[in-house]
Amino acid sequence: MPMPKFAGLIFDLDGTLSDSVPMIMKSAESVHGKLELPWNAEEFAGFIGRPLYETAAFYAAGREQEYLELFREFNTLYIPKMIKPFPGIPTLLAKLQDKGVPLAIVTSRLQWSTEWSLELLGIKGYFTAVLGVEASVKHKPNPEPALLALEKLGVAAEKAAFIGDAAVDIECGRAAGMQTIGVGWGVAGGELKALARPDYFAGDVNELARLLLLD
């Protein structure tokens, strides 16, 4: 398959740009402990990438608001201590910006948490559009947030790619008519390639850079 050039790129945040899955898991474990809910790390990992209210409804039906408020409390505690960009990501984003490729983020995280995280990671300025979960009525894997991001970027779907570490990212991009790139350093790891069958797969950031920074 010939390698493409992309006119615009949409990135997932957690597990793709930000090494934040341990922070999410720590926050969740703390919430479950506080509310005396069952805790299974492997099961919870399957919810990463989806809106938190879906997770709250699954684990704490009737206590969703309490679950959400506690999650925000523990996020506020752990985000500045635990998140960091994956090695090579800031450099890659800077090179993409230099090439004039417009970039967006589509995440299932709340907007305040997303904006704060991007500031702490030092990468907020690279993105033309940042869409948290409040930006759309429907969420990944539905294509709505990707289509909204493409509109903000002014890029046609067929000329853009969605990059993410979870099946919902790949499904969202594909449903929006985009090309898709799976990455192997996030929540699904190398299994994402077989699980979601993205158009392209990068096992590490260097491999992603070679795919995106074609001359």
C-alpha atoms as a PDB file:
ATOM      1  CA  MET A   1       0.000   0.000   0.000  1.00  0.00           C
ATOM      2  CA  PRO A   2       1.513   3.382  -0.957  1.00  0.00           C
ATOM      3  CA  MET A   3       2.189   5.728   1.928  1.00  0.00           C
ATOM      4  CA  PRO A   4      -0.139   8.751   2.015  1.00  0.00           C
ATOM      5  CA  LYS A   5       0.357  12.392   2.813  1.00  0.00           C
ATOM      6  CA  PHE A   6      -2.300  13.786   5.108  1.00  0.00           C
ATOM      7  CA  ALA A   7      -3.831  17.254   4.839  1.00  0.00           C
ATOM      8  CA  GLY A   8      -4.983  17.128   8.460  1.00  0.00           C
ATOM      9  CA  LEU A   9      -4.659  14.900  11.507  1.00  0.00           C
ATOM     10  CA  ILE A  10      -6.904  14.119  14.457  1.00  0.00           C
ATOM     11  CA  PHE A  11      -5.294  12.616  17.537  1.00  0.00           C
ATOM     12  CA  ASP A  12      -6.748  10.843  20.526  1.00  0.00           C
ATOM     13  CA  LEU A  13      -5.175  12.087  23.766  1.00  0.00           C
ATOM     14  CA  ASP A  14      -4.834   9.440  26.481  1.00  0.00           C
ATOM     15  CA  GLY A  15      -2.573   6.577  25.495  1.00  0.00           C
ATOM     16  CA  THR A  16      -1.732   8.239  22.180  1.00  0.00           C
ATOM     17  CA  LEU A  17      -0.103  11.585  22.982  1.00  0.00           C
ATOM     18  CA  SER A  18      -0.215  11.466  26.764  1.00  0.00           C
ATOM     19  CA  ASP A  19       1.175   8.685  28.915  1.00  0.00           C
ATOM     20  CA  SER A  20      -1.826   9.054  31.189  1.00  0.00           C
ATOM     21  CA  VAL A  21      -3.396   5.598  31.347  1.00  0.00           C
ATOM     22  CA  PRO A  22      -1.675   4.870  34.718  1.00  0.00           C
ATOM     23  CA  MET A  23      -3.200   8.123  36.036  1.00  0.00           C
ATOM     24  CA  ILE A  24      -6.661   7.123  34.810  1.00  0.00           C
ATOM     25  CA  MET A  25      -6.323   3.695  36.366  1.00  0.00           C
ATOM     26  CA  LYS A  26      -5.097   5.160  39.665  1.00  0.00           C
ATOM     27  CA  SER A  27      -8.014   7.629  39.719  1.00  0.00           C
ATOM     28  CA  ALA A  28     -10.491   4.849  38.999  1.00  0.00           C
ATOM     29  CA  GLU A  29      -9.068   2.529  41.639  1.00  0.00           C
ATOM     30  CA  SER A  30      -9.296   5.361  44.178  1.00  0.00           C
ATOM     31  CA  VAL A  31     -12.926   6.086  43.240  1.00  0.00           C
ATOM     32  CA  HIS A  32     -13.869   2.429  43.509  1.00  0.00           C
ATOM     33  CA  GLY A  33     -12.182   2.190  46.882  1.00  0.00           C
ATOM     34  CA  LYS A  34     -13.928   5.301  48.177  1.00  0.00           C
ATOM     35  CA  LEU A  35     -17.334   4.074  47.011  1.00  0.00           C
ATOM     36  CA  GLU A  36     -16.623   0.449  47.995  1.00  0.00           C
ATOM     37  CA  LEU A  37     -17.224  -0.767  44.450  1.00  0.00           C
ATOM     38  CA  PRO A  38     -15.672  -3.917  42.938  1.00  0.00           C
ATOM     39  CA  TRP A  39     -12.344  -3.244  41.237  1.00  0.00           C
ATOM     40  CA  ASN A  40     -10.961  -5.177  38.279  1.00  0.00           C
ATOM     41  CA  ALA A  41      -8.188  -3.338  36.453  1.00  0.00           C
ATOM     42  CA  GLU A  42      -8.430  -5.399  33.272  1.00  0.00           C
ATOM     43  CA  GLU A  43     -12.177  -4.861  33.053  1.00  0.00           C
ATOM     44  CA  PHE A  44     -11.903  -1.127  33.699  1.00  0.00           C
ATOM     45  CA  ALA A  45      -9.238  -0.742  31.001  1.00  0.00           C
ATOM     46  CA  GLY A  46     -11.890  -1.690  28.463  1.00  0.00           C
ATOM     47  CA  PHE A  47     -13.758   1.523  29.300  1.00  0.00           C
ATOM     48  CA  ILE A  48     -10.804   3.816  28.604  1.00  0.00           C
ATOM     49  CA  GLY A  49     -11.566   5.930  25.555  1.00  0.00           C
ATOM     50  CA  ARG A  50     -15.296   6.080  26.242  1.00  0.00           C
ATOM     51  CA  PRO A  51     -17.138   8.895  28.053  1.00  0.00           C
ATOM     52  CA  LEU A  52     -16.800   8.629  31.816  1.00  0.00           C
ATOM     53  CA  TYR A  53     -20.545   8.836  32.351  1.00  0.00           C
ATOM     54  CA  GLU A  54     -20.874   5.459  30.598  1.00  0.00           C
ATOM     55  CA  THR A  55     -18.358   4.004  33.039  1.00  0.00           C
ATOM     56  CA  ALA A  56     -20.195   5.582  35.973  1.00  0.00           C
ATOM     57  CA  ALA A  57     -23.507   4.125  34.807  1.00  0.00           C
ATOM     58  CA  PHE A  58     -21.958   0.670  34.531  1.00  0.00           C
ATOM     59  CA  TYR A  59     -20.242   0.606  37.916  1.00  0.00           C
ATOM     60  CA  ALA A  60     -22.366   2.946  40.038  1.00  0.00           C
ATOM     61  CA  ALA A  61     -25.939   2.956  38.757  1.00  0.00           C
ATOM     62  CA  GLY A  62     -27.931   5.402  40.841  1.00  0.00           C
ATOM     63  CA  ARG A  63     -24.716   6.976  42.165  1.00  0.00           C
ATOM     64  CA  GLU A  64     -23.357   8.272  38.873  1.00  0.00           C
ATOM     65  CA  GLN A  65     -22.941  11.879  39.994  1.00  0.00           C
ATOM     66  CA  GLU A  66     -21.009  10.824  43.072  1.00  0.00           C
ATOM     67  CA  TYR A  67     -18.768   8.650  40.901  1.00  0.00           C
ATOM     68  CA  LEU A  68     -18.138  11.507  38.466  1.00  0.00           C
ATOM     69  CA  GLU A  69     -17.402  14.048  41.185  1.00  0.00           C
ATOM     70  CA  LEU A  70     -14.950  11.728  42.905  1.00  0.00           C
ATOM     71  CA  PHE A  71     -13.245  10.966  39.606  1.00  0.00           C
ATOM     72  CA  ARG A  72     -12.760  14.693  39.026  1.00  0.00           C
ATOM     73  CA  GLU A  73     -11.383  15.029  42.566  1.00  0.00           C
ATOM     74  CA  PHE A  74      -8.816  12.290  42.049  1.00  0.00           C
ATOM     75  CA  ASN A  75      -7.975  13.514  38.520  1.00  0.00           C
ATOM     76  CA  THR A  76      -7.194  16.926  40.004  1.00  0.00           C
ATOM     77  CA  LEU A  77      -4.862  15.223  42.469  1.00  0.00           C
ATOM     78  CA  TYR A  78      -3.125  12.842  40.082  1.00  0.00           C
ATOM     79  CA  ILE A  79      -2.955  14.669  36.733  1.00  0.00           C
ATOM     80  CA  PRO A  80      -0.102  17.039  37.634  1.00  0.00           C
ATOM     81  CA  LYS A  81       1.818  14.243  39.357  1.00  0.00           C
ATOM     82  CA  MET A  82       1.453  11.420  36.872  1.00  0.00           C
ATOM     83  CA  ILE A  83       0.912  12.476  33.256  1.00  0.00           C
ATOM     84  CA  LYS A  84       3.698  13.051  30.750  1.00  0.00           C
ATOM     85  CA  PRO A  85       3.981  13.061  26.963  1.00  0.00           C
ATOM     86  CA  PHE A  86       5.215   9.890  25.346  1.00  0.00           C
ATOM     87  CA  PRO A  87       8.867  10.318  24.341  1.00  0.00           C
ATOM     88  CA  GLY A  88       9.167  11.879  20.895  1.00  0.00           C
ATOM     89  CA  ILE A  89       5.592  13.215  20.768  1.00  0.00           C
ATOM     90  CA  PRO A  90       6.383  16.930  21.343  1.00  0.00           C
ATOM     91  CA  THR A  91       9.071  16.806  18.657  1.00  0.00           C
ATOM     92  CA  LEU A  92       6.729  15.089  16.213  1.00  0.00           C
ATOM     93  CA  LEU A  93       3.982  17.651  16.805  1.00  0.00           C
ATOM     94  CA  ALA A  94       6.437  20.510  16.300  1.00  0.00           C
ATOM     95  CA  LYS A  95       7.577  19.049  12.976  1.00  0.00           C
ATOM     96  CA  LEU A  96       3.991  18.582  11.817  1.00  0.00           C
ATOM     97  CA  GLN A  97       3.237  22.186  12.732  1.00  0.00           C
ATOM     98  CA  ASP A  98       6.312  23.326  10.794  1.00  0.00           C
ATOM     99  CA  LYS A  99       4.988  21.460   7.762  1.00  0.00           C
ATOM    100  CA  GLY A 100       1.686  23.309   8.073  1.00  0.00           C
ATOM    101  CA  VAL A 101      -0.414  20.231   8.871  1.00  0.00           C
ATOM    102  CA  PRO A 102      -3.450  21.297  10.956  1.00  0.00           C
ATOM    103  CA  LEU A 103      -3.949  19.173  14.053  1.00  0.00           C
ATOM    104  CA  ALA A 104      -6.937  18.437  16.282  1.00  0.00           C
ATOM    105  CA  ILE A 105      -7.663  16.367  19.368  1.00  0.00           C
ATOM    106  CA  VAL A 106     -10.814  14.313  19.830  1.00  0.00           C
ATOM    107  CA  THR A 107     -11.069  12.816  23.294  1.00  0.00           C
ATOM    108  CA  SER A 108     -13.733  11.421  25.584  1.00  0.00           C
ATOM    109  CA  ARG A 109     -12.236  13.380  28.463  1.00  0.00           C
ATOM    110  CA  LEU A 110     -13.962  16.463  29.869  1.00  0.00           C
ATOM    111  CA  GLN A 111     -12.858  19.728  28.276  1.00  0.00           C
ATOM    112  CA  TRP A 112     -11.350  21.247  31.441  1.00  0.00           C
ATOM    113  CA  SER A 113      -9.276  18.128  32.065  1.00  0.00           C
ATOM    114  CA  THR A 114      -8.161  17.981  28.441  1.00  0.00           C
ATOM    115  CA  GLU A 115      -7.124  21.650  28.299  1.00  0.00           C
ATOM    116  CA  TRP A 116      -5.291  21.438  31.618  1.00  0.00           C
ATOM    117  CA  SER A 117      -3.485  18.263  30.592  1.00  0.00           C
ATOM    118  CA  LEU A 118      -2.343  19.781  27.306  1.00  0.00           C
ATOM    119  CA  GLU A 119      -0.923  22.768  29.166  1.00  0.00           C
ATOM    120  CA  LEU A 120       0.935  20.520  31.608  1.00  0.00           C
ATOM    121  CA  LEU A 121       2.249  18.408  28.727  1.00  0.00           C
ATOM    122  CA  GLY A 122       3.451  21.535  26.922  1.00  0.00           C
ATOM    123  CA  ILE A 123       1.703  20.673  23.651  1.00  0.00           C
ATOM    124  CA  LYS A 124      -1.492  22.739  23.697  1.00  0.00           C
ATOM    125  CA  GLY A 125      -0.231  25.262  21.146  1.00  0.00           C
ATOM    126  CA  TYR A 126       0.102  22.676  18.396  1.00  0.00           C
ATOM    127  CA  PHE A 127      -3.649  22.119  18.042  1.00  0.00           C
ATOM    128  CA  THR A 128      -6.098  24.139  15.993  1.00  0.00           C
ATOM    129  CA  ALA A 129      -9.068  22.380  17.607  1.00  0.00           C
ATOM    130  CA  VAL A 130      -9.459  20.534  20.911  1.00  0.00           C
ATOM    131  CA  LEU A 131     -12.738  18.648  21.340  1.00  0.00           C
ATOM    132  CA  GLY A 132     -13.551  17.231  24.749  1.00  0.00           C
ATOM    133  CA  VAL A 133     -16.570  15.076  25.435  1.00  0.00           C
ATOM    134  CA  GLU A 134     -18.888  18.104  25.735  1.00  0.00           C
ATOM    135  CA  ALA A 135     -18.221  19.117  22.117  1.00  0.00           C
ATOM    136  CA  SER A 136     -20.578  16.553  20.598  1.00  0.00           C
ATOM    137  CA  VAL A 137     -23.864  14.861  21.388  1.00  0.00           C
ATOM    138  CA  LYS A 138     -22.583  11.480  20.235  1.00  0.00           C
ATOM    139  CA  HIS A 139     -19.128  10.168  21.046  1.00  0.00           C
ATOM    140  CA  LYS A 140     -16.502   7.737  19.835  1.00  0.00           C
ATOM    141  CA  PRO A 141     -16.976   5.308  18.139  1.00  0.00           C
ATOM    142  CA  ASN A 142     -19.700   7.455  16.516  1.00  0.00           C
ATOM    143  CA  PRO A 143     -18.146   9.708  13.828  1.00  0.00           C
ATOM    144  CA  GLU A 144     -19.760  12.937  15.093  1.00  0.00           C
ATOM    145  CA  PRO A 145     -16.769  14.324  17.046  1.00  0.00           C
ATOM    146  CA  ALA A 146     -14.366  13.524  14.214  1.00  0.00           C
ATOM    147  CA  LEU A 147     -16.614  15.250  11.690  1.00  0.00           C
ATOM    148  CA  LEU A 148     -16.820  18.318  13.926  1.00  0.00           C
ATOM    149  CA  ALA A 149     -13.038  18.389  14.236  1.00  0.00           C
ATOM    150  CA  LEU A 150     -12.618  18.096  10.467  1.00  0.00           C
ATOM    151  CA  GLU A 151     -14.972  21.040  10.017  1.00  0.00           C
ATOM    152  CA  LYS A 152     -12.873  23.126  12.395  1.00  0.00           C
ATOM    153  CA  LEU A 153      -9.692  22.101  10.559  1.00  0.00           C
ATOM    154  CA  GLY A 154     -11.230  22.799   7.145  1.00  0.00           C
ATOM    155  CA  VAL A 155     -10.024  19.437   5.832  1.00  0.00           C
ATOM    156  CA  ALA A 156     -11.957  16.807   3.862  1.00  0.00           C
ATOM    157  CA  ALA A 157     -12.305  13.450   5.601  1.00  0.00           C
ATOM    158  CA  GLU A 158     -10.665  11.471   2.814  1.00  0.00           C
ATOM    159  CA  LYS A 159      -7.526  13.634   3.098  1.00  0.00           C
ATOM    160  CA  ALA A 160      -7.180  13.244   6.856  1.00  0.00           C
ATOM    161  CA  ALA A 161      -6.263  10.546   9.349  1.00  0.00           C
ATOM    162  CA  PHE A 162      -7.445   9.679  12.843  1.00  0.00           C
ATOM    163  CA  ILE A 163      -4.663   8.456  15.144  1.00  0.00           C
ATOM    164  CA  GLY A 164      -5.417   6.537  18.328  1.00  0.00           C
ATOM    165  CA  ASP A 165      -4.583   3.658  20.636  1.00  0.00           C
ATOM    166  CA  ALA A 166      -8.060   2.159  21.115  1.00  0.00           C
ATOM    167  CA  ALA A 167     -10.621   0.453  18.922  1.00  0.00           C
ATOM    168  CA  VAL A 168     -13.104   3.306  19.447  1.00  0.00           C
ATOM    169  CA  ASP A 169     -10.603   5.712  17.859  1.00  0.00           C
ATOM    170  CA  ILE A 170     -10.211   3.582  14.761  1.00  0.00           C
ATOM    171  CA  GLU A 171     -13.956   2.988  14.487  1.00  0.00           C
ATOM    172  CA  CYS A 172     -14.670   6.715  14.861  1.00  0.00           C
ATOM    173  CA  GLY A 173     -12.208   7.719  12.146  1.00  0.00           C
ATOM    174  CA  ARG A 174     -13.343   5.001   9.782  1.00  0.00           C
ATOM    175  CA  ALA A 175     -17.014   5.921  10.238  1.00  0.00           C
ATOM    176  CA  ALA A 176     -16.137   9.541   9.446  1.00  0.00           C
ATOM    177  CA  GLY A 177     -14.568   8.496   6.131  1.00  0.00           C
ATOM    178  CA  MET A 178     -10.996   9.096   7.297  1.00  0.00           C
ATOM    179  CA  GLN A 179      -7.919   6.949   7.057  1.00  0.00           C
ATOM    180  CA  THR A 180      -6.918   5.467  10.384  1.00  0.00           C
ATOM    181  CA  ILE A 181      -3.619   4.931  12.177  1.00  0.00           C
ATOM    182  CA  GLY A 182      -3.386   2.702  15.220  1.00  0.00           C
ATOM    183  CA  VAL A 183      -0.548   3.093  17.710  1.00  0.00           C
ATOM    184  CA  GLY A 184       0.871   0.283  19.763  1.00  0.00           C
ATOM    185  CA  TRP A 185       1.966   2.036  22.955  1.00  0.00           C
ATOM    186  CA  GLY A 186      -1.468   2.704  24.489  1.00  0.00           C
ATOM    187  CA  VAL A 187      -4.209   0.796  26.225  1.00  0.00           C
ATOM    188  CA  ALA A 188      -4.686  -1.925  23.578  1.00  0.00           C
ATOM    189  CA  GLY A 189      -0.999  -2.347  22.746  1.00  0.00           C
ATOM    190  CA  GLY A 190      -0.044  -4.390  19.716  1.00  0.00           C
ATOM    191  CA  GLU A 191      -3.399  -6.171  19.833  1.00  0.00           C
ATOM    192  CA  LEU A 192      -5.042  -3.076  18.328  1.00  0.00           C
ATOM    193  CA  LYS A 193      -3.778  -4.003  14.863  1.00  0.00           C
ATOM    194  CA  ALA A 194      -5.784  -7.230  14.786  1.00  0.00           C
ATOM    195  CA  LEU A 195      -8.596  -5.947  16.978  1.00  0.00           C
ATOM    196  CA  ALA A 196      -9.554  -2.843  14.979  1.00  0.00           C
ATOM    197  CA  ARG A 197      -7.671  -3.285  11.674  1.00  0.00           C
ATOM    198  CA  PRO A 198      -6.538   0.306  11.170  1.00  0.00           C
ATOM    199  CA  ASP A 199      -5.301   1.309   7.716  1.00  0.00           C
ATOM    200  CA  TYR A 200      -1.830   1.820   9.169  1.00  0.00           C
ATOM    201  CA  PHE A 201      -0.166   0.794  12.409  1.00  0.00           C
ATOM    202  CA  ALA A 202       2.802   2.341  14.230  1.00  0.00           C
ATOM    203  CA  GLY A 203       4.486   0.283  16.896  1.00  0.00           C
ATOM    204  CA  ASP A 204       6.447   3.240  18.285  1.00  0.00           C
ATOM    205  CA  VAL A 205       6.629   7.007  17.907  1.00  0.00           C
ATOM    206  CA  ASN A 206       9.540   6.827  15.468  1.00  0.00           C
ATOM    207  CA  GLU A 207       7.473   4.626  13.190  1.00  0.00           C
ATOM    208  CA  LEU A 208       4.577   7.082  13.420  1.00  0.00           C
ATOM    209  CA  ALA A 209       6.912   9.953  12.561  1.00  0.00           C
ATOM    210  CA  ARG A 210       8.159   8.126   9.465  1.00  0.00           C
ATOM    211  CA  LEU A 211       4.565   7.622   8.353  1.00  0.00           C
ATOM    212  CA  LEU A 212       3.448  11.207   8.920  1.00  0.00           C
ATOM    213  CA  LEU A 213       6.548  13.203   7.964  1.00  0.00           C
ATOM    214  CA  LEU A 214       6.895  12.147   4.348  1.00  0.00           C
ATOM    215  CA  ASP A 215       8.767  14.549   2.078  1.00  0.00           C
END
